[in-house]
C-alpha cells in the first residue's frame, strides 16, 4: 500500500508540474484572448481546464456585468487596476455587494454564488485558481443585482 501511495504522490506531482511552468513576464508580453464582448483573458501559467493550479489575468470593460453564477473550483481574485463590484447572496434573498479597488481581494469558494460588475471603469484582476474550472449560471429570474 505504501508503494502505491508514493507512486500516486510522484505521479500527481509530475502531472501538476506539466501544466504549471516557471515564467517571468512583463505585462506587455501577455497574450490576451477575447472570450466575450468586453472580456479578455491572459493565461499566465497552468490550465484552467485541467486539474491543478492556474493563474490568469482578466480584463473587463466598463459596464461589463456577469450573470449570477458559481464555479466548481476555488479562486482567489486580486484587483490590479480599476474597481469591481462583487456580489454574494445576503440576507432575505438580497445580494450583498461591495466595490473593491486596486489591491482588493475576494475569494470564490467552490459552488459560491456570485456576480462581478465593472460598474464605473475598466478593471484588470488576477485570478489564482485550482482547476478544472466550470461555470454554472443561476436562474435569471432572481431579484435584480
C-alpha atoms as a PDB file:
ATOM      1  CA  UNK A   1       0.000   0.000   0.000  1.00  0.00           C
ATOM      2  CA  UNK A   2       2.823   2.378   0.892  1.00  0.00           C
ATOM      3  CA  UNK A   3       4.432   1.826  -2.534  1.00  0.00           C
ATOM      4  CA  UNK A   4       1.183   2.760  -4.263  1.00  0.00           C
ATOM      5  CA  UNK A   5       0.821   5.902  -2.182  1.00  0.00           C
ATOM      6  CA  UNK A   6       4.367   7.001  -3.034  1.00  0.00           C
ATOM      7  CA  UNK A   7       3.717   6.282  -6.722  1.00  0.00           C
ATOM      8  CA  UNK A   8       0.457   8.241  -6.601  1.00  0.00           C
ATOM      9  CA  UNK A   9       2.187  11.237  -4.985  1.00  0.00           C
ATOM     10  CA  UNK A  10       5.000  11.104  -7.554  1.00  0.00           C
ATOM     11  CA  UNK A  11       2.598  10.899 -10.498  1.00  0.00           C
ATOM     12  CA  UNK A  12       0.367  13.687  -9.199  1.00  0.00           C
ATOM     13  CA  UNK A  13       3.397  15.955  -8.751  1.00  0.00           C
ATOM     14  CA  UNK A  14       4.587  15.094 -12.264  1.00  0.00           C
ATOM     15  CA  UNK A  15       1.193  15.817 -13.808  1.00  0.00           C
ATOM     16  CA  UNK A  16       0.826  19.017 -11.792  1.00  0.00           C
ATOM     17  CA  UNK A  17       4.277  20.222 -12.811  1.00  0.00           C
ATOM     18  CA  UNK A  18       3.499  19.655 -16.503  1.00  0.00           C
ATOM     19  CA  UNK A  19       0.860  22.395 -16.584  1.00  0.00           C
ATOM     20  CA  UNK A  20       2.487  24.895 -14.227  1.00  0.00           C
ATOM     21  CA  UNK A  21       5.617  26.478 -15.698  1.00  0.00           C
ATOM     22  CA  UNK A  22       8.333  28.719 -14.293  1.00  0.00           C
ATOM     23  CA  UNK A  23       7.887  32.054 -16.064  1.00  0.00           C
ATOM     24  CA  UNK A  24       8.934  35.705 -15.981  1.00  0.00           C
ATOM     25  CA  UNK A  25       6.810  38.124 -17.977  1.00  0.00           C
ATOM     26  CA  UNK A  26       6.254  41.814 -18.306  1.00  0.00           C
ATOM     27  CA  UNK A  27       2.645  42.902 -18.623  1.00  0.00           C
ATOM     28  CA  UNK A  28       3.283  43.857 -22.245  1.00  0.00           C
ATOM     29  CA  UNK A  29       4.165  40.222 -23.025  1.00  0.00           C
ATOM     30  CA  UNK A  30       0.755  38.763 -22.147  1.00  0.00           C
ATOM     31  CA  UNK A  31      -1.313  37.260 -24.941  1.00  0.00           C
ATOM     32  CA  UNK A  32      -4.886  38.448 -24.452  1.00  0.00           C
ATOM     33  CA  UNK A  33      -7.753  36.367 -25.833  1.00  0.00           C
ATOM     34  CA  UNK A  34     -11.216  37.868 -26.234  1.00  0.00           C
ATOM     35  CA  UNK A  35     -13.618  35.405 -24.576  1.00  0.00           C
ATOM     36  CA  UNK A  36     -16.804  37.505 -24.664  1.00  0.00           C
ATOM     37  CA  UNK A  37     -17.885  41.036 -25.541  1.00  0.00           C
ATOM     38  CA  UNK A  38     -15.757  43.322 -23.348  1.00  0.00           C
ATOM     39  CA  UNK A  39     -13.906  40.439 -21.644  1.00  0.00           C
ATOM     40  CA  UNK A  40     -10.325  39.302 -22.259  1.00  0.00           C
ATOM     41  CA  UNK A  41      -8.215  36.625 -20.561  1.00  0.00           C
ATOM     42  CA  UNK A  42      -4.438  36.173 -20.498  1.00  0.00           C
ATOM     43  CA  UNK A  43      -3.274  32.805 -19.213  1.00  0.00           C
ATOM     44  CA  UNK A  44      -0.097  33.219 -17.215  1.00  0.00           C
ATOM     45  CA  UNK A  45       0.577  29.634 -16.201  1.00  0.00           C
ATOM     46  CA  UNK A  46      -1.329  26.431 -15.645  1.00  0.00           C
ATOM     47  CA  UNK A  47      -4.512  25.381 -17.412  1.00  0.00           C
ATOM     48  CA  UNK A  48      -7.953  26.169 -16.036  1.00  0.00           C
ATOM     49  CA  UNK A  49      -9.356  23.159 -17.924  1.00  0.00           C
ATOM     50  CA  UNK A  50      -7.013  20.717 -16.155  1.00  0.00           C
ATOM     51  CA  UNK A  51      -6.542  19.639 -12.569  1.00  0.00           C
ATOM     52  CA  UNK A  52      -4.048  21.874 -10.805  1.00  0.00           C
ATOM     53  CA  UNK A  53      -3.232  25.481 -10.090  1.00  0.00           C
ATOM     54  CA  UNK A  54      -3.624  28.142 -12.754  1.00  0.00           C
ATOM     55  CA  UNK A  55      -3.050  31.910 -12.890  1.00  0.00           C
ATOM     56  CA  UNK A  56      -4.848  34.284 -15.256  1.00  0.00           C
ATOM     57  CA  UNK A  57      -5.361  37.982 -15.800  1.00  0.00           C
ATOM     58  CA  UNK A  58      -8.875  39.060 -16.769  1.00  0.00           C
ATOM     59  CA  UNK A  59      -9.809  42.441 -18.271  1.00  0.00           C
ATOM     60  CA  UNK A  60     -13.388  43.698 -18.123  1.00  0.00           C
ATOM     61  CA  UNK A  61     -14.523  46.811 -19.965  1.00  0.00           C
ATOM     62  CA  UNK A  62     -16.508  49.412 -18.056  1.00  0.00           C
ATOM     63  CA  UNK A  63     -20.112  48.271 -17.779  1.00  0.00           C
ATOM     64  CA  UNK A  64     -19.435  44.551 -18.156  1.00  0.00           C
ATOM     65  CA  UNK A  65     -21.535  42.567 -15.706  1.00  0.00           C
ATOM     66  CA  UNK A  66     -21.605  38.818 -15.272  1.00  0.00           C
ATOM     67  CA  UNK A  67     -24.728  36.833 -14.627  1.00  0.00           C
ATOM     68  CA  UNK A  68     -25.170  35.255 -11.206  1.00  0.00           C
ATOM     69  CA  UNK A  69     -23.207  32.056 -11.289  1.00  0.00           C
ATOM     70  CA  UNK A  70     -20.848  29.739  -9.450  1.00  0.00           C
ATOM     71  CA  UNK A  71     -17.774  27.680 -10.270  1.00  0.00           C
ATOM     72  CA  UNK A  72     -16.813  24.160  -9.341  1.00  0.00           C
ATOM     73  CA  UNK A  73     -13.257  25.158  -8.443  1.00  0.00           C
ATOM     74  CA  UNK A  74     -11.806  27.605  -5.915  1.00  0.00           C
ATOM     75  CA  UNK A  75     -10.329  31.007  -6.763  1.00  0.00           C
ATOM     76  CA  UNK A  76      -8.631  33.997  -5.206  1.00  0.00           C
ATOM     77  CA  UNK A  77      -9.070  37.207  -7.202  1.00  0.00           C
ATOM     78  CA  UNK A  78      -6.987  40.389  -6.757  1.00  0.00           C
ATOM     79  CA  UNK A  79      -7.851  43.755  -8.332  1.00  0.00           C
ATOM     80  CA  UNK A  80      -4.801  45.114 -10.188  1.00  0.00           C
ATOM     81  CA  UNK A  81      -6.346  48.180 -11.832  1.00  0.00           C
ATOM     82  CA  UNK A  82      -9.717  49.878 -11.786  1.00  0.00           C
ATOM     83  CA  UNK A  83     -12.511  48.758  -9.492  1.00  0.00           C
ATOM     84  CA  UNK A  84     -15.030  45.951  -9.470  1.00  0.00           C
ATOM     85  CA  UNK A  85     -18.340  45.351  -7.720  1.00  0.00           C
ATOM     86  CA  UNK A  86     -18.663  41.826  -6.298  1.00  0.00           C
ATOM     87  CA  UNK A  87     -21.971  40.422  -5.113  1.00  0.00           C
ATOM     88  CA  UNK A  88     -22.634  37.411  -2.884  1.00  0.00           C
ATOM     89  CA  UNK A  89     -26.017  36.199  -1.638  1.00  0.00           C
ATOM     90  CA  UNK A  90     -27.050  38.020   1.527  1.00  0.00           C
ATOM     91  CA  UNK A  91     -29.914  38.010   3.983  1.00  0.00           C
ATOM     92  CA  UNK A  92     -33.568  37.672   2.925  1.00  0.00           C
ATOM     93  CA  UNK A  93     -32.768  36.826  -0.693  1.00  0.00           C
ATOM     94  CA  UNK A  94     -30.995  40.133  -1.313  1.00  0.00           C
ATOM     95  CA  UNK A  95     -27.498  40.297  -2.773  1.00  0.00           C
ATOM     96  CA  UNK A  96     -24.713  41.812  -0.644  1.00  0.00           C
ATOM     97  CA  UNK A  97     -22.481  43.928  -2.907  1.00  0.00           C
ATOM     98  CA  UNK A  98     -19.117  45.521  -2.263  1.00  0.00           C
ATOM     99  CA  UNK A  99     -16.949  47.671  -4.515  1.00  0.00           C
ATOM    100  CA  UNK A 100     -13.261  46.708  -4.460  1.00  0.00           C
ATOM    101  CA  UNK A 101     -10.452  48.929  -5.712  1.00  0.00           C
ATOM    102  CA  UNK A 102      -6.796  48.297  -6.513  1.00  0.00           C
ATOM    103  CA  UNK A 103      -5.375  45.778  -4.061  1.00  0.00           C
ATOM    104  CA  UNK A 104      -8.829  44.499  -3.110  1.00  0.00           C
ATOM    105  CA  UNK A 105      -9.233  40.741  -2.876  1.00  0.00           C
ATOM    106  CA  UNK A 106     -12.178  38.377  -2.951  1.00  0.00           C
ATOM    107  CA  UNK A 107     -12.442  34.609  -2.880  1.00  0.00           C
ATOM    108  CA  UNK A 108     -14.726  32.265  -4.725  1.00  0.00           C
ATOM    109  CA  UNK A 109     -15.097  29.082  -2.685  1.00  0.00           C
ATOM    110  CA  UNK A 110     -16.365  26.049  -4.587  1.00  0.00           C
ATOM    111  CA  UNK A 111     -20.061  26.495  -5.517  1.00  0.00           C
ATOM    112  CA  UNK A 112     -20.236  30.051  -4.059  1.00  0.00           C
ATOM    113  CA  UNK A 113     -22.866  32.053  -5.987  1.00  0.00           C
ATOM    114  CA  UNK A 114     -21.605  35.485  -7.036  1.00  0.00           C
ATOM    115  CA  UNK A 115     -21.515  38.102  -9.763  1.00  0.00           C
ATOM    116  CA  UNK A 116     -18.967  40.723 -10.802  1.00  0.00           C
ATOM    117  CA  UNK A 117     -19.507  44.108 -12.405  1.00  0.00           C
ATOM    118  CA  UNK A 118     -17.039  46.613 -13.846  1.00  0.00           C
ATOM    119  CA  UNK A 119     -19.572  49.295 -12.992  1.00  0.00           C
ATOM    120  CA  UNK A 120     -17.539  52.509 -13.092  1.00  0.00           C
ATOM    121  CA  UNK A 121     -14.395  51.771 -15.098  1.00  0.00           C
ATOM    122  CA  UNK A 122     -12.309  49.172 -16.880  1.00  0.00           C
ATOM    123  CA  UNK A 123     -10.816  46.620 -14.494  1.00  0.00           C
ATOM    124  CA  UNK A 124      -7.975  44.096 -14.546  1.00  0.00           C
ATOM    125  CA  UNK A 125      -7.931  41.288 -11.997  1.00  0.00           C
ATOM    126  CA  UNK A 126      -5.564  38.415 -11.375  1.00  0.00           C
ATOM    127  CA  UNK A 127      -7.176  35.036 -10.760  1.00  0.00           C
ATOM    128  CA  UNK A 128      -5.399  32.203  -8.972  1.00  0.00           C
ATOM    129  CA  UNK A 129      -7.446  29.029  -9.066  1.00  0.00           C
ATOM    130  CA  UNK A 130      -7.295  25.296  -8.762  1.00  0.00           C
ATOM    131  CA  UNK A 131      -8.956  23.661 -11.738  1.00  0.00           C
ATOM    132  CA  UNK A 132     -10.551  22.325 -13.638  1.00  0.00           C
ATOM    133  CA  UNK A 133     -12.978  25.199 -13.657  1.00  0.00           C
ATOM    134  CA  UNK A 134     -16.517  25.375 -14.958  1.00  0.00           C
ATOM    135  CA  UNK A 135     -19.315  27.896 -14.659  1.00  0.00           C
ATOM    136  CA  UNK A 136     -22.941  27.248 -13.785  1.00  0.00           C
ATOM    137  CA  UNK A 137     -25.370  30.123 -14.318  1.00  0.00           C
ATOM    138  CA  UNK A 138     -28.137  30.643 -11.784  1.00  0.00           C
ATOM    139  CA  UNK A 139     -31.820  31.172 -12.593  1.00  0.00           C
ATOM    140  CA  UNK A 140     -32.224  34.501 -14.353  1.00  0.00           C
ATOM    141  CA  UNK A 141     -35.486  35.074 -12.513  1.00  0.00           C
ATOM    142  CA  UNK A 142     -33.580  36.012  -9.311  1.00  0.00           C
ATOM    143  CA  UNK A 143     -34.082  39.529  -7.991  1.00  0.00           C
ATOM    144  CA  UNK A 144     -32.017  42.261  -9.669  1.00  0.00           C
ATOM    145  CA  UNK A 145     -28.405  42.865  -8.648  1.00  0.00           C
END
